[in-house]
Amino acid sequence: MILKIKATNKNSGEIISYELEGDSDAGFTYEGTHMQEVADNKIREVNNNLILLGSPIYTIKSGETETIEAMTFDIEITAA
């Protein structure tokens, strides 16, 4: 499954958009790298919010959109 991630920084208004590929059993990757090992600090910070217990990345179905309100980011997740 492909997850389209759009994170808006609450402080600066910066928007970070990218895709994760994988599933809840095998885990998700960003451009072939495990989501927690991504070199880009901003994307890794968003991913750290996505892996928290109860995150919709583990239950979202294709065609659905979910949102997470984290301390620094508002995150929109769309399953393609």
N, C-alpha and C. Protein backbone atom coordinates (compact mmCIF):
# COMPACT_ATOMS: atom_id res chain seq x y z
N MET A 1 0.85 -1.17 0.00
CA MET A 1 0.00 0.00 0.00
C MET A 1 0.90 1.24 0.00
N ILE A 2 0.42 2.27 -0.64
CA ILE A 2 1.14 3.55 -0.65
C ILE A 2 0.36 4.54 0.21
N LEU A 3 1.07 5.18 1.14
CA LEU A 3 0.49 6.21 1.98
C LEU A 3 1.04 7.55 1.54
N LYS A 4 0.15 8.47 1.21
CA LYS A 4 0.57 9.83 0.85
C LYS A 4 0.50 10.67 2.12
N ILE A 5 1.64 11.24 2.49
CA ILE A 5 1.76 12.00 3.73
C ILE A 5 1.89 13.48 3.40
N LYS A 6 1.09 14.29 4.08
CA LYS A 6 1.20 15.74 3.96
C LYS A 6 1.23 16.29 5.38
N ALA A 7 2.38 16.84 5.76
CA ALA A 7 2.55 17.36 7.12
C ALA A 7 2.76 18.87 7.05
N THR A 8 1.98 19.60 7.85
CA THR A 8 2.11 21.05 7.91
C THR A 8 2.69 21.43 9.26
N ASN A 9 3.83 22.12 9.22
CA ASN A 9 4.48 22.57 10.45
C ASN A 9 3.64 23.68 11.06
N LYS A 10 3.22 23.50 12.31
CA LYS A 10 2.34 24.47 12.98
C LYS A 10 3.05 25.81 13.24
N ASN A 11 4.37 25.77 13.37
CA ASN A 11 5.11 27.00 13.69
C ASN A 11 5.46 27.82 12.46
N SER A 12 5.96 27.15 11.42
CA SER A 12 6.44 27.88 10.24
C SER A 12 5.48 27.84 9.07
N GLY A 13 4.52 26.92 9.08
CA GLY A 13 3.61 26.77 7.96
C GLY A 13 4.19 25.94 6.82
N GLU A 14 5.43 25.47 6.96
CA GLU A 14 6.07 24.66 5.93
C GLU A 14 5.29 23.36 5.72
N ILE A 15 5.12 22.99 4.46
CA ILE A 15 4.42 21.75 4.12
C ILE A 15 5.43 20.74 3.59
N ILE A 16 5.38 19.54 4.15
CA ILE A 16 6.25 18.44 3.74
C ILE A 16 5.34 17.36 3.17
N SER A 17 5.54 17.00 1.91
CA SER A 17 4.73 15.97 1.26
C SER A 17 5.64 14.87 0.74
N TYR A 18 5.25 13.62 0.98
CA TYR A 18 6.03 12.48 0.50
C TYR A 18 5.16 11.24 0.59
N GLU A 19 5.70 10.10 0.11
CA GLU A 19 4.96 8.84 0.13
C GLU A 19 5.74 7.79 0.92
N LEU A 20 4.99 6.96 1.63
CA LEU A 20 5.54 5.77 2.27
C LEU A 20 4.95 4.56 1.57
N GLU A 21 5.75 3.50 1.45
CA GLU A 21 5.27 2.29 0.80
C GLU A 21 5.46 1.12 1.74
N GLY A 22 4.48 0.23 1.80
CA GLY A 22 4.58 -0.95 2.64
C GLY A 22 3.23 -1.35 3.21
N ASP A 23 3.27 -2.01 4.37
CA ASP A 23 2.04 -2.39 5.06
C ASP A 23 2.29 -2.48 6.56
N SER A 24 1.21 -2.65 7.31
CA SER A 24 1.33 -2.62 8.77
C SER A 24 2.10 -3.82 9.32
N ASP A 25 2.17 -4.92 8.57
CA ASP A 25 2.91 -6.09 9.04
C ASP A 25 4.40 -5.99 8.75
N ALA A 26 4.75 -5.65 7.52
CA ALA A 26 6.16 -5.59 7.11
C ALA A 26 6.81 -4.26 7.44
N GLY A 27 6.02 -3.23 7.67
CA GLY A 27 6.54 -1.91 7.94
C GLY A 27 6.51 -1.05 6.69
N PHE A 28 6.88 0.19 6.83
CA PHE A 28 6.83 1.15 5.74
C PHE A 28 8.22 1.68 5.43
N THR A 29 8.43 2.02 4.16
CA THR A 29 9.71 2.58 3.73
C THR A 29 9.48 3.88 2.96
N TYR A 30 10.51 4.72 2.98
CA TYR A 30 10.54 5.94 2.19
C TYR A 30 11.70 5.81 1.23
N GLU A 31 11.40 5.73 -0.06
CA GLU A 31 12.42 5.55 -1.09
C GLU A 31 13.36 4.39 -0.77
N GLY A 32 12.81 3.28 -0.29
CA GLY A 32 13.57 2.08 -0.01
C GLY A 32 14.24 2.02 1.36
N THR A 33 14.12 3.09 2.14
CA THR A 33 14.73 3.15 3.47
C THR A 33 13.64 3.05 4.53
N HIS A 34 13.89 2.25 5.57
CA HIS A 34 12.90 2.13 6.65
C HIS A 34 12.55 3.52 7.16
N MET A 35 11.30 3.72 7.48
CA MET A 35 10.81 5.06 7.82
C MET A 35 11.50 5.70 9.02
N GLN A 36 12.10 4.93 9.91
CA GLN A 36 12.80 5.50 11.06
C GLN A 36 14.28 5.77 10.78
N GLU A 37 14.75 5.36 9.61
CA GLU A 37 16.16 5.53 9.27
C GLU A 37 16.38 6.54 8.14
N VAL A 38 15.35 7.31 7.81
CA VAL A 38 15.44 8.30 6.74
C VAL A 38 16.43 9.39 7.14
N ALA A 39 17.28 9.80 6.21
CA ALA A 39 18.31 10.79 6.50
C ALA A 39 17.73 12.20 6.70
N ASP A 40 16.64 12.52 6.01
CA ASP A 40 16.03 13.85 6.11
C ASP A 40 15.38 14.01 7.49
N ASN A 41 15.90 14.94 8.29
CA ASN A 41 15.42 15.12 9.67
C ASN A 41 13.94 15.47 9.75
N LYS A 42 13.44 16.29 8.84
CA LYS A 42 12.03 16.70 8.88
C LYS A 42 11.12 15.51 8.62
N ILE A 43 11.46 14.73 7.60
CA ILE A 43 10.64 13.55 7.29
C ILE A 43 10.72 12.54 8.43
N ARG A 44 11.91 12.34 8.98
CA ARG A 44 12.05 11.40 10.10
C ARG A 44 11.23 11.85 11.31
N GLU A 45 11.18 13.16 11.56
CA GLU A 45 10.38 13.67 12.68
C GLU A 45 8.90 13.39 12.46
N VAL A 46 8.41 13.60 11.24
CA VAL A 46 7.02 13.29 10.93
C VAL A 46 6.79 11.78 11.09
N ASN A 47 7.70 10.96 10.56
CA ASN A 47 7.56 9.51 10.67
C ASN A 47 7.52 9.04 12.12
N ASN A 48 8.30 9.67 12.98
CA ASN A 48 8.28 9.30 14.40
C ASN A 48 6.89 9.51 14.99
N ASN A 49 6.18 10.53 14.54
CA ASN A 49 4.80 10.73 14.98
C ASN A 49 3.87 9.67 14.41
N LEU A 50 4.18 9.19 13.21
CA LEU A 50 3.33 8.20 12.55
C LEU A 50 3.41 6.82 13.16
N ILE A 51 4.49 6.50 13.85
CA ILE A 51 4.65 5.14 14.38
C ILE A 51 4.09 4.97 15.78
N LEU A 52 3.58 6.02 16.37
CA LEU A 52 3.06 5.94 17.73
C LEU A 52 1.87 5.00 17.82
N LEU A 53 1.69 4.42 18.99
CA LEU A 53 0.59 3.51 19.25
C LEU A 53 -0.74 4.17 18.89
N GLY A 54 -1.56 3.46 18.16
CA GLY A 54 -2.87 3.98 17.78
C GLY A 54 -2.85 4.80 16.50
N SER A 55 -1.70 4.87 15.85
CA SER A 55 -1.59 5.64 14.61
C SER A 55 -2.45 5.00 13.52
N PRO A 56 -3.11 5.82 12.71
CA PRO A 56 -3.95 5.26 11.65
C PRO A 56 -3.18 4.57 10.54
N ILE A 57 -1.85 4.67 10.47
CA ILE A 57 -1.13 3.97 9.40
C ILE A 57 -1.27 2.46 9.54
N TYR A 58 -1.64 1.97 10.72
CA TYR A 58 -1.78 0.54 10.93
C TYR A 58 -3.19 0.03 10.63
N THR A 59 -4.16 0.93 10.50
CA THR A 59 -5.54 0.50 10.29
C THR A 59 -6.21 1.12 9.06
N ILE A 60 -5.57 2.11 8.45
CA ILE A 60 -6.17 2.81 7.32
C ILE A 60 -6.34 1.86 6.13
N LYS A 61 -7.44 2.04 5.41
CA LYS A 61 -7.76 1.23 4.23
C LYS A 61 -7.60 2.09 2.98
N SER A 62 -7.38 1.44 1.86
CA SER A 62 -7.22 2.14 0.60
C SER A 62 -8.40 3.06 0.34
N GLY A 63 -8.10 4.29 -0.06
CA GLY A 63 -9.13 5.28 -0.35
C GLY A 63 -9.51 6.15 0.84
N GLU A 64 -9.04 5.81 2.02
CA GLU A 64 -9.36 6.58 3.23
C GLU A 64 -8.31 7.66 3.49
N THR A 65 -8.73 8.69 4.20
CA THR A 65 -7.84 9.75 4.65
C THR A 65 -8.03 9.92 6.15
N GLU A 66 -6.92 10.00 6.87
CA GLU A 66 -6.93 10.20 8.32
C GLU A 66 -6.03 11.38 8.66
N THR A 67 -6.25 11.98 9.81
CA THR A 67 -5.41 13.08 10.25
C THR A 67 -4.89 12.82 11.66
N ILE A 68 -3.70 13.35 11.91
CA ILE A 68 -3.08 13.30 13.24
C ILE A 68 -2.69 14.72 13.59
N GLU A 69 -3.01 15.13 14.79
CA GLU A 69 -2.56 16.43 15.27
C GLU A 69 -1.46 16.18 16.30
N ALA A 70 -0.22 16.38 15.87
CA ALA A 70 0.93 16.20 16.75
C ALA A 70 1.35 17.56 17.31
N MET A 71 2.36 17.55 18.17
CA MET A 71 2.78 18.79 18.80
C MET A 71 3.28 19.81 17.78
N THR A 72 4.08 19.38 16.82
CA THR A 72 4.67 20.29 15.85
C THR A 72 3.97 20.27 14.50
N PHE A 73 3.33 19.16 14.15
CA PHE A 73 2.75 18.99 12.83
C PHE A 73 1.28 18.62 12.86
N ASP A 74 0.54 19.09 11.86
CA ASP A 74 -0.76 18.51 11.51
C ASP A 74 -0.47 17.61 10.32
N ILE A 75 -0.81 16.32 10.46
CA ILE A 75 -0.43 15.34 9.46
C ILE A 75 -1.67 14.74 8.83
N GLU A 76 -1.73 14.75 7.51
CA GLU A 76 -2.80 14.12 6.75
C GLU A 76 -2.24 12.88 6.05
N ILE A 77 -2.91 11.76 6.22
CA ILE A 77 -2.48 10.49 5.64
C ILE A 77 -3.58 10.01 4.70
N THR A 78 -3.23 9.76 3.44
CA THR A 78 -4.18 9.24 2.47
C THR A 78 -3.64 7.92 1.93
N ALA A 79 -4.45 6.87 2.03
CA ALA A 79 -4.04 5.55 1.54
C ALA A 79 -4.48 5.43 0.08
N ALA A 80 -3.52 5.13 -0.77
CA ALA A 80 -3.82 5.00 -2.21
C ALA A 80 -3.92 3.55 -2.59
